């Protein structure tokens, strides 16, 4: 499946994934979805800070964090992008930052604006 493009599509995809992969009840999936959204917001914030510094260790650490979080959400294509960013960070930090910018844009589109980001 392609990566979801909207907040609603992201929520529906992740909820289905949580119910299937973790045998979560609908109520548990809803709770886990709240945690997933908070995790994704933290990942985008971490990515923004890493991109501001453009330092290889920060880019690698953030790529690693996002790789695991996105895989747990059933977003394999996005997890692969984060893994690629992580792998490039040590030897090609400029390219890792370019990939990080694209990933930040994609992930930012999946989350509704909050009072802090509006």
PDB file of N, CA and C in Angstrom:
ATOM      1  N   UNK A   1       0.839  -1.179   0.000  1.00  0.00           N
ATOM      2  CA  UNK A   1       0.000   0.000   0.000  1.00  0.00           C
ATOM      3  C   UNK A   1       0.885   1.243   0.000  1.00  0.00           C
ATOM      4  N   UNK A   2       0.431   2.248  -0.734  1.00  0.00           N
ATOM      5  CA  UNK A   2       1.118   3.531  -0.702  1.00  0.00           C
ATOM      6  C   UNK A   2       0.919   4.173   0.661  1.00  0.00           C
ATOM      7  N   UNK A   3       1.796   5.104   0.983  1.00  0.00           N
ATOM      8  CA  UNK A   3       1.678   5.822   2.249  1.00  0.00           C
ATOM      9  C   UNK A   3       0.441   6.706   2.219  1.00  0.00           C
ATOM     10  N   UNK A   4      -0.257   6.815   3.341  1.00  0.00           N
ATOM     11  CA  UNK A   4      -1.418   7.707   3.396  1.00  0.00           C
ATOM     12  C   UNK A   4      -0.987   9.151   3.142  1.00  0.00           C
ATOM     13  N   UNK A   5      -1.903   9.924   2.574  1.00  0.00           N
ATOM     14  CA  UNK A   5      -1.592  11.298   2.211  1.00  0.00           C
ATOM     15  C   UNK A   5      -2.266  12.331   3.105  1.00  0.00           C
ATOM     16  N   UNK A   6      -3.266  11.931   3.867  1.00  0.00           N
ATOM     17  CA  UNK A   6      -4.008  12.870   4.704  1.00  0.00           C
ATOM     18  C   UNK A   6      -4.060  12.346   6.135  1.00  0.00           C
ATOM     19  N   UNK A   7      -4.432  13.237   7.040  1.00  0.00           N
ATOM     20  CA  UNK A   7      -4.576  12.865   8.441  1.00  0.00           C
ATOM     21  C   UNK A   7      -5.608  11.750   8.609  1.00  0.00           C
ATOM     22  N   UNK A   8      -6.744  11.877   7.953  1.00  0.00           N
ATOM     23  CA  UNK A   8      -7.795  10.873   8.077  1.00  0.00           C
ATOM     24  C   UNK A   8      -7.330   9.527   7.543  1.00  0.00           C
ATOM     25  N   UNK A   9      -6.657   9.536   6.400  1.00  0.00           N
ATOM     26  CA  UNK A   9      -6.144   8.290   5.823  1.00  0.00           C
ATOM     27  C   UNK A   9      -5.073   7.677   6.723  1.00  0.00           C
ATOM     28  N   UNK A  10      -4.223   8.517   7.299  1.00  0.00           N
ATOM     29  CA  UNK A  10      -3.183   8.033   8.216  1.00  0.00           C
ATOM     30  C   UNK A  10      -3.823   7.348   9.420  1.00  0.00           C
ATOM     31  N   UNK A  11      -4.803   8.019  10.035  1.00  0.00           N
ATOM     32  CA  UNK A  11      -5.472   7.453  11.214  1.00  0.00           C
ATOM     33  C   UNK A  11      -6.134   6.119  10.883  1.00  0.00           C
ATOM     34  N   UNK A  12      -6.838   6.045   9.765  1.00  0.00           N
ATOM     35  CA  UNK A  12      -7.522   4.808   9.387  1.00  0.00           C
ATOM     36  C   UNK A  12      -6.511   3.694   9.131  1.00  0.00           C
ATOM     37  N   UNK A  13      -5.438   4.007   8.427  1.00  0.00           N
ATOM     38  CA  UNK A  13      -4.412   2.997   8.130  1.00  0.00           C
ATOM     39  C   UNK A  13      -3.762   2.478   9.410  1.00  0.00           C
ATOM     40  N   UNK A  14      -3.339   3.385  10.265  1.00  0.00           N
ATOM     41  CA  UNK A  14      -2.649   2.984  11.492  1.00  0.00           C
ATOM     42  C   UNK A  14      -3.595   2.213  12.411  1.00  0.00           C
ATOM     43  N   UNK A  15      -4.826   2.636  12.513  1.00  0.00           N
ATOM     44  CA  UNK A  15      -5.797   1.922  13.355  1.00  0.00           C
ATOM     45  C   UNK A  15      -5.979   0.488  12.865  1.00  0.00           C
ATOM     46  N   UNK A  16      -6.163   0.314  11.545  1.00  0.00           N
ATOM     47  CA  UNK A  16      -6.297  -1.043  10.982  1.00  0.00           C
ATOM     48  C   UNK A  16      -5.042  -1.862  11.255  1.00  0.00           C
ATOM     49  N   UNK A  17      -3.899  -1.241  11.071  1.00  0.00           N
ATOM     50  CA  UNK A  17      -2.628  -1.945  11.302  1.00  0.00           C
ATOM     51  C   UNK A  17      -2.506  -2.392  12.756  1.00  0.00           C
ATOM     52  N   UNK A  18      -2.827  -1.514  13.673  1.00  0.00           N
ATOM     53  CA  UNK A  18      -2.721  -1.853  15.095  1.00  0.00           C
ATOM     54  C   UNK A  18      -3.655  -3.004  15.461  1.00  0.00           C
ATOM     55  N   UNK A  19      -4.847  -2.976  14.922  1.00  0.00           N
ATOM     56  CA  UNK A  19      -5.804  -4.041  15.223  1.00  0.00           C
ATOM     57  C   UNK A  19      -5.328  -5.373  14.643  1.00  0.00           C
ATOM     58  N   UNK A  20      -4.772  -5.353  13.446  1.00  0.00           N
ATOM     59  CA  UNK A  20      -4.332  -6.583  12.801  1.00  0.00           C
ATOM     60  C   UNK A  20      -3.007  -7.099  13.368  1.00  0.00           C
ATOM     61  N   UNK A  21      -2.019  -6.221  13.452  1.00  0.00           N
ATOM     62  CA  UNK A  21      -0.672  -6.646  13.848  1.00  0.00           C
ATOM     63  C   UNK A  21      -0.564  -6.981  15.326  1.00  0.00           C
ATOM     64  N   UNK A  22      -1.308  -6.271  16.150  1.00  0.00           N
ATOM     65  CA  UNK A  22      -1.186  -6.453  17.593  1.00  0.00           C
ATOM     66  C   UNK A  22      -2.448  -7.038  18.227  1.00  0.00           C
ATOM     67  N   UNK A  23      -3.387  -7.488  17.370  1.00  0.00           N
ATOM     68  CA  UNK A  23      -4.660  -8.038  17.843  1.00  0.00           C
ATOM     69  C   UNK A  23      -5.310  -7.112  18.874  1.00  0.00           C
ATOM     70  N   UNK A  24      -5.230  -5.829  18.598  1.00  0.00           N
ATOM     71  CA  UNK A  24      -5.773  -4.830  19.516  1.00  0.00           C
ATOM     72  C   UNK A  24      -7.282  -4.721  19.325  1.00  0.00           C
ATOM     73  N   UNK A  25      -7.979  -4.602  20.428  1.00  0.00           N
ATOM     74  CA  UNK A  25      -9.415  -4.346  20.361  1.00  0.00           C
ATOM     75  C   UNK A  25      -9.618  -2.937  19.795  1.00  0.00           C
ATOM     76  N   UNK A  26     -10.821  -2.616  19.337  1.00  0.00           N
ATOM     77  CA  UNK A  26     -11.047  -1.257  18.847  1.00  0.00           C
ATOM     78  C   UNK A  26     -10.690  -0.191  19.886  1.00  0.00           C
ATOM     79  N   UNK A  27     -11.049  -0.418  21.145  1.00  0.00           N
ATOM     80  CA  UNK A  27     -10.727   0.565  22.186  1.00  0.00           C
ATOM     81  C   UNK A  27      -9.218   0.664  22.391  1.00  0.00           C
ATOM     82  N   UNK A  28      -8.535  -0.469  22.417  1.00  0.00           N
ATOM     83  CA  UNK A  28      -7.074  -0.453  22.564  1.00  0.00           C
ATOM     84  C   UNK A  28      -6.416   0.206  21.358  1.00  0.00           C
ATOM     85  N   UNK A  29      -6.938  -0.083  20.166  1.00  0.00           N
ATOM     86  CA  UNK A  29      -6.381   0.529  18.957  1.00  0.00           C
ATOM     87  C   UNK A  29      -6.545   2.040  19.000  1.00  0.00           C
ATOM     88  N   UNK A  30      -7.679   2.512  19.499  1.00  0.00           N
ATOM     89  CA  UNK A  30      -7.889   3.959  19.616  1.00  0.00           C
ATOM     90  C   UNK A  30      -6.891   4.581  20.589  1.00  0.00           C
ATOM     91  N   UNK A  31      -6.635   3.887  21.700  1.00  0.00           N
ATOM     92  CA  UNK A  31      -5.647   4.389  22.661  1.00  0.00           C
ATOM     93  C   UNK A  31      -4.253   4.387  22.029  1.00  0.00           C
ATOM     94  N   UNK A  32      -3.898   3.293  21.367  1.00  0.00           N
ATOM     95  CA  UNK A  32      -2.588   3.206  20.725  1.00  0.00           C
ATOM     96  C   UNK A  32      -2.452   4.238  19.612  1.00  0.00           C
ATOM     97  N   UNK A  33      -3.543   4.552  18.952  1.00  0.00           N
ATOM     98  CA  UNK A  33      -3.517   5.566  17.910  1.00  0.00           C
ATOM     99  C   UNK A  33      -3.188   6.935  18.491  1.00  0.00           C
ATOM    100  N   UNK A  34      -3.699   7.223  19.668  1.00  0.00           N
ATOM    101  CA  UNK A  34      -3.365   8.478  20.348  1.00  0.00           C
ATOM    102  C   UNK A  34      -1.868   8.524  20.658  1.00  0.00           C
ATOM    103  N   UNK A  35      -1.333   7.402  21.120  1.00  0.00           N
ATOM    104  CA  UNK A  35       0.102   7.316  21.404  1.00  0.00           C
ATOM    105  C   UNK A  35       0.902   7.455  20.114  1.00  0.00           C
ATOM    106  N   UNK A  36       0.436   6.813  19.050  1.00  0.00           N
ATOM    107  CA  UNK A  36       1.127   6.890  17.759  1.00  0.00           C
ATOM    108  C   UNK A  36       1.181   8.326  17.247  1.00  0.00           C
ATOM    109  N   UNK A  37       0.078   9.054  17.402  1.00  0.00           N
ATOM    110  CA  UNK A  37       0.059  10.443  16.951  1.00  0.00           C
ATOM    111  C   UNK A  37       1.047  11.289  17.750  1.00  0.00           C
ATOM    112  N   UNK A  38       1.086  11.091  19.063  1.00  0.00           N
ATOM    113  CA  UNK A  38       2.042  11.829  19.897  1.00  0.00           C
ATOM    114  C   UNK A  38       3.477  11.470  19.498  1.00  0.00           C
ATOM    115  N   UNK A  39       3.713  10.211  19.202  1.00  0.00           N
ATOM    116  CA  UNK A  39       5.038   9.760  18.786  1.00  0.00           C
ATOM    117  C   UNK A  39       5.424  10.391  17.457  1.00  0.00           C
ATOM    118  N   UNK A  40       4.474  10.431  16.532  1.00  0.00           N
ATOM    119  CA  UNK A  40       4.750  11.033  15.236  1.00  0.00           C
ATOM    120  C   UNK A  40       5.038  12.525  15.376  1.00  0.00           C
ATOM    121  N   UNK A  41       4.282  13.208  16.212  1.00  0.00           N
ATOM    122  CA  UNK A  41       4.541  14.637  16.450  1.00  0.00           C
ATOM    123  C   UNK A  41       5.952  14.834  17.022  1.00  0.00           C
ATOM    124  N   UNK A  42       6.335  13.985  17.981  1.00  0.00           N
ATOM    125  CA  UNK A  42       7.669  14.085  18.568  1.00  0.00           C
ATOM    126  C   UNK A  42       8.733  13.815  17.514  1.00  0.00           C
ATOM    127  N   UNK A  43       8.488  12.843  16.663  1.00  0.00           N
ATOM    128  CA  UNK A  43       9.436  12.543  15.597  1.00  0.00           C
ATOM    129  C   UNK A  43       9.629  13.702  14.642  1.00  0.00           C
ATOM    130  N   UNK A  44       8.540  14.380  14.279  1.00  0.00           N
ATOM    131  CA  UNK A  44       8.633  15.542  13.390  1.00  0.00           C
ATOM    132  C   UNK A  44       9.390  16.672  14.089  1.00  0.00           C
ATOM    133  N   UNK A  45       9.122  16.857  15.376  1.00  0.00           N
ATOM    134  CA  UNK A  45       9.851  17.885  16.131  1.00  0.00           C
ATOM    135  C   UNK A  45      11.341  17.551  16.194  1.00  0.00           C
ATOM    136  N   UNK A  46      11.661  16.301  16.499  1.00  0.00           N
ATOM    137  CA  UNK A  46      13.064  15.871  16.539  1.00  0.00           C
ATOM    138  C   UNK A  46      13.727  16.071  15.176  1.00  0.00           C
ATOM    139  N   UNK A  47      12.989  15.736  14.121  1.00  0.00           N
ATOM    140  CA  UNK A  47      13.528  15.884  12.775  1.00  0.00           C
ATOM    141  C   UNK A  47      13.808  17.352  12.466  1.00  0.00           C
ATOM    142  N   UNK A  48      12.913  18.227  12.861  1.00  0.00           N
ATOM    143  CA  UNK A  48      13.133  19.656  12.639  1.00  0.00           C
ATOM    144  C   UNK A  48      14.395  20.138  13.337  1.00  0.00           C
ATOM    145  N   UNK A  49      14.595  19.706  14.577  1.00  0.00           N
ATOM    146  CA  UNK A  49      15.811  20.096  15.312  1.00  0.00           C
ATOM    147  C   UNK A  49      17.060  19.524  14.647  1.00  0.00           C
ATOM    148  N   UNK A  50      16.990  18.277  14.206  1.00  0.00           N
ATOM    149  CA  UNK A  50      18.146  17.661  13.539  1.00  0.00           C
ATOM    150  C   UNK A  50      18.464  18.387  12.246  1.00  0.00           C
ATOM    151  N   UNK A  51      17.432  18.773  11.516  1.00  0.00           N
ATOM    152  CA  UNK A  51      17.662  19.489  10.264  1.00  0.00           C
ATOM    153  C   UNK A  51      18.228  20.877  10.507  1.00  0.00           C
ATOM    154  N   UNK A  52      17.846  21.490  11.618  1.00  0.00           N
ATOM    155  CA  UNK A  52      18.402  22.801  11.956  1.00  0.00           C
ATOM    156  C   UNK A  52      19.906  22.710  12.219  1.00  0.00           C
ATOM    157  N   UNK A  53      20.340  21.633  12.861  1.00  0.00           N
ATOM    158  CA  UNK A  53      21.760  21.486  13.175  1.00  0.00           C
ATOM    159  C   UNK A  53      22.557  20.930  12.008  1.00  0.00           C
ATOM    160  N   UNK A  54      21.898  20.099  11.177  1.00  0.00           N
ATOM    161  CA  UNK A  54      22.543  19.414  10.043  1.00  0.00           C
ATOM    162  C   UNK A  54      23.756  18.588  10.487  1.00  0.00           C
ATOM    163  N   UNK A  55      23.741  18.139  11.735  1.00  0.00           N
ATOM    164  CA  UNK A  55      24.838  17.313  12.244  1.00  0.00           C
ATOM    165  C   UNK A  55      24.490  15.842  12.064  1.00  0.00           C
ATOM    166  N   UNK A  56      25.474  15.086  11.618  1.00  0.00           N
ATOM    167  CA  UNK A  56      25.276  13.674  11.304  1.00  0.00           C
ATOM    168  C   UNK A  56      24.688  12.872  12.467  1.00  0.00           C
ATOM    169  N   UNK A  57      25.209  13.025  13.702  1.00  0.00           N
ATOM    170  CA  UNK A  57      24.644  12.212  14.790  1.00  0.00           C
ATOM    171  C   UNK A  57      23.157  12.494  15.041  1.00  0.00           C
ATOM    172  N   UNK A  58      22.762  13.750  14.952  1.00  0.00           N
ATOM    173  CA  UNK A  58      21.352  14.095  15.171  1.00  0.00           C
ATOM    174  C   UNK A  58      20.484  13.549  14.054  1.00  0.00           C
ATOM    175  N   UNK A  59      20.961  13.624  12.821  1.00  0.00           N
ATOM    176  CA  UNK A  59      20.216  13.093  11.691  1.00  0.00           C
ATOM    177  C   UNK A  59      20.070  11.573  11.801  1.00  0.00           C
ATOM    178  N   UNK A  60      21.156  10.897  12.184  1.00  0.00           N
ATOM    179  CA  UNK A  60      21.112   9.439  12.320  1.00  0.00           C
ATOM    180  C   UNK A  60      20.174   9.022  13.445  1.00  0.00           C
ATOM    181  N   UNK A  61      20.267   9.692  14.578  1.00  0.00           N
ATOM    182  CA  UNK A  61      19.417   9.344  15.727  1.00  0.00           C
ATOM    183  C   UNK A  61      17.941   9.549  15.394  1.00  0.00           C
ATOM    184  N   UNK A  62      17.633  10.648  14.736  1.00  0.00           N
ATOM    185  CA  UNK A  62      16.247  10.922  14.373  1.00  0.00           C
ATOM    186  C   UNK A  62      15.757   9.938  13.320  1.00  0.00           C
ATOM    187  N   UNK A  63      16.594   9.620  12.360  1.00  0.00           N
ATOM    188  CA  UNK A  63      16.225   8.616  11.364  1.00  0.00           C
ATOM    189  C   UNK A  63      15.927   7.279  12.010  1.00  0.00           C
ATOM    190  N   UNK A  64      16.731   6.906  12.983  1.00  0.00           N
ATOM    191  CA  UNK A  64      16.531   5.642  13.697  1.00  0.00           C
ATOM    192  C   UNK A  64      15.200   5.655  14.466  1.00  0.00           C
ATOM    193  N   UNK A  65      14.936   6.747  15.164  1.00  0.00           N
ATOM    194  CA  UNK A  65      13.689   6.885  15.917  1.00  0.00           C
ATOM    195  C   UNK A  65      12.493   6.761  14.984  1.00  0.00           C
ATOM    196  N   UNK A  66      12.523   7.522  13.893  1.00  0.00           N
ATOM    197  CA  UNK A  66      11.395   7.503  12.964  1.00  0.00           C
ATOM    198  C   UNK A  66      11.244   6.153  12.274  1.00  0.00           C
ATOM    199  N   UNK A  67      12.350   5.515  11.958  1.00  0.00           N
ATOM    200  CA  UNK A  67      12.296   4.197  11.318  1.00  0.00           C
ATOM    201  C   UNK A  67      11.480   3.227  12.172  1.00  0.00           C
ATOM    202  N   UNK A  68      11.769   3.166  13.458  1.00  0.00           N
ATOM    203  CA  UNK A  68      11.042   2.266  14.348  1.00  0.00           C
ATOM    204  C   UNK A  68       9.600   2.682  14.554  1.00  0.00           C
ATOM    205  N   UNK A  69       9.377   3.967  14.762  1.00  0.00           N
ATOM    206  CA  UNK A  69       8.014   4.451  15.003  1.00  0.00           C
ATOM    207  C   UNK A  69       7.133   4.204  13.786  1.00  0.00           C
ATOM    208  N   UNK A  70       7.632   4.532  12.615  1.00  0.00           N
ATOM    209  CA  UNK A  70       6.836   4.368  11.402  1.00  0.00           C
ATOM    210  C   UNK A  70       6.601   2.892  11.080  1.00  0.00           C
ATOM    211  N   UNK A  71       7.580   2.049  11.339  1.00  0.00           N
ATOM    212  CA  UNK A  71       7.381   0.609  11.123  1.00  0.00           C
ATOM    213  C   UNK A  71       6.306   0.076  12.061  1.00  0.00           C
ATOM    214  N   UNK A  72       6.305   0.518  13.299  1.00  0.00           N
ATOM    215  CA  UNK A  72       5.284   0.080  14.250  1.00  0.00           C
ATOM    216  C   UNK A  72       3.886   0.553  13.857  1.00  0.00           C
ATOM    217  N   UNK A  73       3.814   1.611  13.055  1.00  0.00           N
ATOM    218  CA  UNK A  73       2.534   2.131  12.587  1.00  0.00           C
ATOM    219  C   UNK A  73       2.106   1.474  11.273  1.00  0.00           C
ATOM    220  N   UNK A  74       2.942   0.576  10.759  1.00  0.00           N
ATOM    221  CA  UNK A  74       2.621  -0.075   9.501  1.00  0.00           C
ATOM    222  C   UNK A  74       2.892   0.789   8.279  1.00  0.00           C
ATOM    223  N   UNK A  75       3.756   1.768   8.428  1.00  0.00           N
ATOM    224  CA  UNK A  75       4.091   2.693   7.339  1.00  0.00           C
ATOM    225  C   UNK A  75       5.478   2.352   6.803  1.00  0.00           C
ATOM    226  N   UNK A  76       5.556   1.197   6.146  1.00  0.00           N
ATOM    227  CA  UNK A  76       6.843   0.651   5.734  1.00  0.00           C
ATOM    228  C   UNK A  76       7.612   1.553   4.770  1.00  0.00           C
ATOM    229  N   UNK A  77       6.924   2.149   3.792  1.00  0.00           N
ATOM    230  CA  UNK A  77       7.624   3.002   2.822  1.00  0.00           C
ATOM    231  C   UNK A  77       8.260   4.207   3.515  1.00  0.00           C
ATOM    232  N   UNK A  78       7.537   4.801   4.457  1.00  0.00           N
ATOM    233  CA  UNK A  78       8.102   5.936   5.199  1.00  0.00           C
ATOM    234  C   UNK A  78       9.207   5.481   6.141  1.00  0.00           C
ATOM    235  N   UNK A  79       9.046   4.304   6.739  1.00  0.00           N
ATOM    236  CA  UNK A  79      10.099   3.748   7.600  1.00  0.00           C
ATOM    237  C   UNK A  79      11.363   3.502   6.780  1.00  0.00           C
ATOM    238  N   UNK A  80      11.202   3.050   5.541  1.00  0.00           N
ATOM    239  CA  UNK A  80      12.364   2.837   4.667  1.00  0.00           C
ATOM    240  C   UNK A  80      13.062   4.161   4.359  1.00  0.00           C
ATOM    241  N   UNK A  81      12.298   5.231   4.168  1.00  0.00           N
ATOM    242  CA  UNK A  81      12.904   6.544   3.927  1.00  0.00           C
ATOM    243  C   UNK A  81      13.701   6.999   5.145  1.00  0.00           C
ATOM    244  N   UNK A  82      13.142   6.779   6.326  1.00  0.00           N
ATOM    245  CA  UNK A  82      13.851   7.152   7.557  1.00  0.00           C
ATOM    246  C   UNK A  82      15.116   6.317   7.716  1.00  0.00           C
ATOM    247  N   UNK A  83      15.045   5.033   7.383  1.00  0.00           N
ATOM    248  CA  UNK A  83      16.222   4.158   7.463  1.00  0.00           C
ATOM    249  C   UNK A  83      17.301   4.623   6.493  1.00  0.00           C
ATOM    250  N   UNK A  84      16.896   5.045   5.323  1.00  0.00           N
ATOM    251  CA  UNK A  84      17.852   5.541   4.334  1.00  0.00           C
ATOM    252  C   UNK A  84      18.529   6.820   4.843  1.00  0.00           C
ATOM    253  N   UNK A  85      17.742   7.697   5.448  1.00  0.00           N
ATOM    254  CA  UNK A  85      18.305   8.922   6.031  1.00  0.00           C
ATOM    255  C   UNK A  85      19.316   8.559   7.118  1.00  0.00           C
ATOM    256  N   UNK A  86      18.936   7.615   7.975  1.00  0.00           N
ATOM    257  CA  UNK A  86      19.838   7.178   9.046  1.00  0.00           C
ATOM    258  C   UNK A  86      21.150   6.641   8.474  1.00  0.00           C
ATOM    259  N   UNK A  87      21.049   5.817   7.443  1.00  0.00           N
ATOM    260  CA  UNK A  87      22.238   5.189   6.863  1.00  0.00           C
ATOM    261  C   UNK A  87      23.161   6.214   6.200  1.00  0.00           C
ATOM    262  N   UNK A  88      22.589   7.235   5.594  1.00  0.00           N
ATOM    263  CA  UNK A  88      23.406   8.241   4.906  1.00  0.00           C
ATOM    264  C   UNK A  88      24.018   9.281   5.836  1.00  0.00           C
ATOM    265  N   UNK A  89      23.478   9.414   7.019  1.00  0.00           N
ATOM    266  CA  UNK A  89      23.879  10.514   7.904  1.00  0.00           C
ATOM    267  C   UNK A  89      25.381  10.560   8.163  1.00  0.00           C
ATOM    268  N   UNK A  90      26.001   9.427   8.387  1.00  0.00           N
ATOM    269  CA  UNK A  90      27.422   9.417   8.751  1.00  0.00           C
ATOM    270  C   UNK A  90      28.331   9.814   7.588  1.00  0.00           C
ATOM    271  N   UNK A  91      27.983   9.389   6.368  1.00  0.00           N
ATOM    272  CA  UNK A  91      28.884   9.623   5.243  1.00  0.00           C
ATOM    273  C   UNK A  91      28.422  10.728   4.303  1.00  0.00           C
ATOM    274  N   UNK A  92      27.126  11.003   4.277  1.00  0.00           N
ATOM    275  CA  UNK A  92      26.581  12.016   3.376  1.00  0.00           C
ATOM    276  C   UNK A  92      25.516  12.847   4.106  1.00  0.00           C
ATOM    277  N   UNK A  93      25.925  13.624   5.104  1.00  0.00           N
ATOM    278  CA  UNK A  93      24.931  14.347   5.899  1.00  0.00           C
ATOM    279  C   UNK A  93      24.079  15.319   5.083  1.00  0.00           C
ATOM    280  N   UNK A  94      24.634  15.885   4.007  1.00  0.00           N
ATOM    281  CA  UNK A  94      23.830  16.793   3.178  1.00  0.00           C
ATOM    282  C   UNK A  94      22.693  16.043   2.507  1.00  0.00           C
ATOM    283  N   UNK A  95      22.990  14.867   1.992  1.00  0.00           N
ATOM    284  CA  UNK A  95      21.956  14.042   1.358  1.00  0.00           C
ATOM    285  C   UNK A  95      20.955  13.548   2.399  1.00  0.00           C
ATOM    286  N   UNK A  96      21.445  13.186   3.580  1.00  0.00           N
ATOM    287  CA  UNK A  96      20.544  12.776   4.662  1.00  0.00           C
ATOM    288  C   UNK A  96      19.603  13.921   5.026  1.00  0.00           C
ATOM    289  N   UNK A  97      20.120  15.142   5.060  1.00  0.00           N
ATOM    290  CA  UNK A  97      19.285  16.305   5.372  1.00  0.00           C
ATOM    291  C   UNK A  97      18.252  16.536   4.272  1.00  0.00           C
ATOM    292  N   UNK A  98      18.640  16.335   3.015  1.00  0.00           N
ATOM    293  CA  UNK A  98      17.690  16.491   1.909  1.00  0.00           C
ATOM    294  C   UNK A  98      16.552  15.476   2.051  1.00  0.00           C
ATOM    295  N   UNK A  99      16.898  14.232   2.353  1.00  0.00           N
ATOM    296  CA  UNK A  99      15.874  13.210   2.572  1.00  0.00           C
ATOM    297  C   UNK A  99      15.023  13.546   3.791  1.00  0.00           C
ATOM    298  N   UNK A 100      15.662  14.072   4.825  1.00  0.00           N
ATOM    299  CA  UNK A 100      14.938  14.459   6.025  1.00  0.00           C
ATOM    300  C   UNK A 100      13.931  15.561   5.763  1.00  0.00           C
ATOM    301  N   UNK A 101      14.304  16.519   4.924  1.00  0.00           N
ATOM    302  CA  UNK A 101      13.367  17.603   4.566  1.00  0.00           C
ATOM    303  C   UNK A 101      12.140  17.030   3.873  1.00  0.00           C
ATOM    304  N   UNK A 102      12.354  16.122   2.939  1.00  0.00           N
ATOM    305  CA  UNK A 102      11.229  15.509   2.227  1.00  0.00           C
ATOM    306  C   UNK A 102      10.361  14.703   3.197  1.00  0.00           C
ATOM    307  N   UNK A 103      10.999  13.979   4.099  1.00  0.00           N
ATOM    308  CA  UNK A 103      10.253  13.187   5.077  1.00  0.00           C
ATOM    309  C   UNK A 103       9.472  14.089   6.021  1.00  0.00           C
ATOM    310  N   UNK A 104      10.087  15.177   6.454  1.00  0.00           N
ATOM    311  CA  UNK A 104       9.391  16.123   7.338  1.00  0.00           C
ATOM    312  C   UNK A 104       8.157  16.689   6.646  1.00  0.00           C
ATOM    313  N   UNK A 105       8.282  17.020   5.384  1.00  0.00           N
ATOM    314  CA  UNK A 105       7.148  17.542   4.625  1.00  0.00           C
ATOM    315  C   UNK A 105       6.024  16.507   4.554  1.00  0.00           C
ATOM    316  N   UNK A 106       6.371  15.273   4.240  1.00  0.00           N
ATOM    317  CA  UNK A 106       5.371  14.203   4.137  1.00  0.00           C
ATOM    318  C   UNK A 106       4.697  13.953   5.471  1.00  0.00           C
ATOM    319  N   UNK A 107       5.489  13.847   6.536  1.00  0.00           N
ATOM    320  CA  UNK A 107       4.920  13.570   7.856  1.00  0.00           C
ATOM    321  C   UNK A 107       4.104  14.754   8.357  1.00  0.00           C
ATOM    322  N   UNK A 108       4.561  15.959   8.101  1.00  0.00           N
ATOM    323  CA  UNK A 108       3.818  17.140   8.521  1.00  0.00           C
ATOM    324  C   UNK A 108       2.435  17.205   7.896  1.00  0.00           C
ATOM    325  N   UNK A 109       2.319  16.705   6.666  1.00  0.00           N
ATOM    326  CA  UNK A 109       1.025  16.707   5.989  1.00  0.00           C
ATOM    327  C   UNK A 109       0.053  15.707   6.611  1.00  0.00           C
ATOM    328  N   UNK A 110       0.565  14.733   7.341  1.00  0.00           N
ATOM    329  CA  UNK A 110      -0.294  13.718   7.962  1.00  0.00           C
ATOM    330  C   UNK A 110      -0.905  14.185   9.274  1.00  0.00           C
ATOM    331  N   UNK A 111      -0.371  15.257   9.834  1.00  0.00           N
ATOM    332  CA  UNK A 111      -0.832  15.726  11.140  1.00  0.00           C
ATOM    333  C   UNK A 111      -1.564  17.050  11.014  1.00  0.00           C
ATOM    334  N   UNK A 112      -2.686  17.191  11.705  1.00  0.00           N
ATOM    335  CA  UNK A 112      -3.366  18.487  11.668  1.00  0.00           C
ATOM    336  C   UNK A 112      -2.540  19.521  12.428  1.00  0.00           C
ATOM    337  N   UNK A 113      -2.708  20.751  12.046  1.00  0.00           N
ATOM    338  CA  UNK A 113      -2.016  21.837  12.734  1.00  0.00           C
ATOM    339  C   UNK A 113      -2.557  21.967  14.149  1.00  0.00           C
ATOM    340  N   UNK A 114      -1.656  22.257  15.079  1.00  0.00           N
ATOM    341  CA  UNK A 114      -2.062  22.531  16.461  1.00  0.00           C
ATOM    342  C   UNK A 114      -1.917  24.021  16.693  1.00  0.00           C
ATOM    343  N   UNK A 115      -2.317  24.483  17.867  1.00  0.00           N
ATOM    344  CA  UNK A 115      -2.148  25.894  18.189  1.00  0.00           C
ATOM    345  C   UNK A 115      -0.689  26.310  18.096  1.00  0.00           C
ATOM    346  N   UNK A 116       0.220  25.375  18.433  1.00  0.00           N
ATOM    347  CA  UNK A 116       1.656  25.671  18.418  1.00  0.00           C
ATOM    348  C   UNK A 116       2.216  25.714  17.006  1.00  0.00           C
ATOM    349  N   UNK A 117       1.616  24.943  16.046  1.00  0.00           N
ATOM    350  CA  UNK A 117       2.166  24.882  14.698  1.00  0.00           C
ATOM    351  C   UNK A 117       1.359  25.685  13.692  1.00  0.00           C
ATOM    352  N   UNK A 118       0.249  26.256  14.105  1.00  0.00           N
ATOM    353  CA  UNK A 118      -0.590  27.014  13.162  1.00  0.00           C
ATOM    354  C   UNK A 118       0.009  28.364  12.854  1.00  0.00           C
TER     355      UNK A 118
END
